Protein backbone atom coordinates (compact mmCIF):
# COMPACT_ATOMS: atom_id res chain seq x y z
CA MET A 1 151.00 45.27 -95.82
CA LYS A 2 153.75 42.67 -95.89
CA GLU A 3 155.64 42.20 -99.12
CA GLY A 4 154.30 39.21 -101.03
CA SER A 5 150.85 39.42 -99.45
CA GLY A 6 147.53 40.74 -100.67
CA ILE A 7 143.83 40.08 -100.97
CA LEU A 8 142.24 37.30 -103.05
CA LEU A 9 138.96 38.70 -104.37
CA LYS A 10 135.94 36.42 -103.94
CA GLU A 11 132.48 36.43 -105.48
CA ASN A 12 129.43 36.85 -103.16
CA PHE A 13 131.39 38.77 -100.51
CA ILE A 14 132.35 42.37 -99.83
CA ASN A 15 136.12 42.34 -100.39
CA SER A 16 137.83 44.89 -98.10
CA LEU A 17 141.03 46.67 -99.09
CA SER A 18 142.96 49.52 -97.50
CA VAL A 19 144.06 52.77 -99.13
CA GLY A 20 147.78 53.09 -99.54
CA GLY A 21 148.46 50.68 -102.35
CA GLU A 22 147.03 47.42 -100.99
CA LEU A 23 146.84 44.91 -103.84
CA ALA A 24 144.13 42.40 -104.67
CA TRP A 25 143.93 39.57 -107.20
CA PHE A 26 141.06 37.87 -109.00
CA ILE A 27 141.79 34.51 -110.65
CA VAL A 28 139.63 32.41 -113.02
CA ASP A 29 140.23 29.21 -114.98
CA ASN A 30 140.73 29.84 -118.67
CA ASN A 31 140.51 27.45 -121.63
CA GLY A 32 140.88 30.26 -124.14
CA GLY A 33 143.87 28.76 -125.90
CA SER A 34 142.05 25.56 -126.83
CA THR A 35 138.42 26.74 -126.99
CA GLY A 36 138.57 30.38 -128.07
CA TYR A 37 136.57 31.59 -125.05
CA SER A 38 137.89 34.78 -123.49
CA TRP A 39 137.43 36.66 -120.22
CA LYS A 40 136.93 40.43 -120.15
CA CYS A 41 137.15 42.75 -117.14
CA VAL A 42 134.68 45.66 -116.95
CA ALA A 43 135.70 48.21 -114.32
CA ASP A 44 133.17 50.63 -112.85
CA ASN A 45 133.74 54.37 -112.61
CA SER A 46 134.01 54.51 -108.78
CA GLY A 47 137.72 55.38 -108.87
CA ILE A 48 138.34 53.40 -105.67
CA TYR A 49 140.64 50.91 -107.40
CA LYS A 50 142.69 50.66 -110.54
CA LEU A 51 143.56 47.67 -112.68
CA VAL A 52 147.32 47.22 -112.40
CA LYS A 53 147.87 44.22 -114.67
CA ARG A 54 146.34 41.19 -116.37
CA ILE A 55 148.31 37.96 -116.61
CA VAL A 56 147.41 34.86 -118.65
CA LEU A 57 148.97 31.67 -117.30
CA HIS A 58 149.07 28.76 -119.75
CA PRO A 59 149.24 25.12 -118.59
CA SER A 60 152.58 23.38 -119.02
CA VAL A 61 150.99 20.22 -120.45
CA LEU A 62 150.12 19.92 -124.13
CA ALA A 63 146.68 18.38 -123.63
CA VAL A 64 143.55 19.93 -125.13
CA GLY A 65 141.09 21.22 -122.57
CA VAL A 66 143.53 21.60 -119.68
CA PRO A 67 142.76 25.03 -118.26
CA GLY A 68 145.20 27.77 -117.51
CA SER A 69 144.27 30.84 -115.52
CA VAL A 70 143.70 34.55 -116.00
CA VAL A 71 144.82 36.79 -113.15
CA TRP A 72 143.86 40.45 -112.69
CA GLN A 73 145.70 42.59 -110.17
CA PHE A 74 144.03 45.66 -108.65
CA GLU A 75 145.31 48.43 -106.39
CA ALA A 76 143.24 50.28 -103.75
CA ILE A 77 143.19 54.02 -104.55
CA LYS A 78 140.66 55.86 -102.36
CA PRO A 79 137.92 55.05 -99.81
CA GLY A 80 134.53 53.96 -101.11
CA GLU A 81 132.70 50.99 -102.58
CA GLY A 82 132.66 49.76 -106.13
CA GLN A 83 132.28 46.70 -108.30
CA VAL A 84 134.13 45.02 -111.08
CA LEU A 85 132.49 42.67 -113.58
CA PHE A 86 134.20 39.72 -115.26
CA GLN A 87 132.52 38.25 -118.33
CA LEU A 88 133.26 35.11 -120.33
CA TYR A 89 132.64 35.35 -124.08
CA PRO A 90 132.47 32.51 -126.62
CA PRO A 91 134.51 32.79 -129.82
CA GLY A 92 133.02 35.64 -131.88
CA GLY A 93 130.28 36.10 -129.29
CA ILE A 94 128.70 39.43 -128.46
CA LYS A 95 126.87 38.21 -125.34
CA PRO A 96 128.69 36.72 -122.34
CA VAL A 97 127.92 33.14 -121.32
CA LYS A 98 129.02 33.79 -117.73
CA SER A 99 129.34 36.88 -115.53
CA ILE A 100 130.99 37.29 -112.14
CA ARG A 101 130.47 40.50 -110.15
CA ILE A 102 132.97 41.37 -107.42
CA THR A 103 132.24 44.00 -104.76
CA ILE A 104 135.23 45.95 -103.44
CA GLU A 105 135.21 48.19 -100.39
CA VAL A 106 138.25 50.38 -99.83
CA LYS A 107 138.83 51.77 -96.34
CA SER A 108 141.23 54.51 -95.29
């Protein structure tokens, strides 16, 4: 893998990664700062990937309702198939208002 490259994870597809440290990113819009909604990442127990980091990017403008982004970075660990679930929760909510399921396939 070239430095500075990686895989952008997409919903409704099987996202293929290679063992050996290939990195993948999932990015969603986020209005958490102005609305209180928050995204959570729920990893499965497949062990084929690991969550490396989560980054929250805030907009540079001071206008209410302008979204930032949340970025999760994953690393391919071992061959197999798994899923990761992203859920959007309202302030104080116990049930998500939106769910996105990503399928990841790691090849040797």
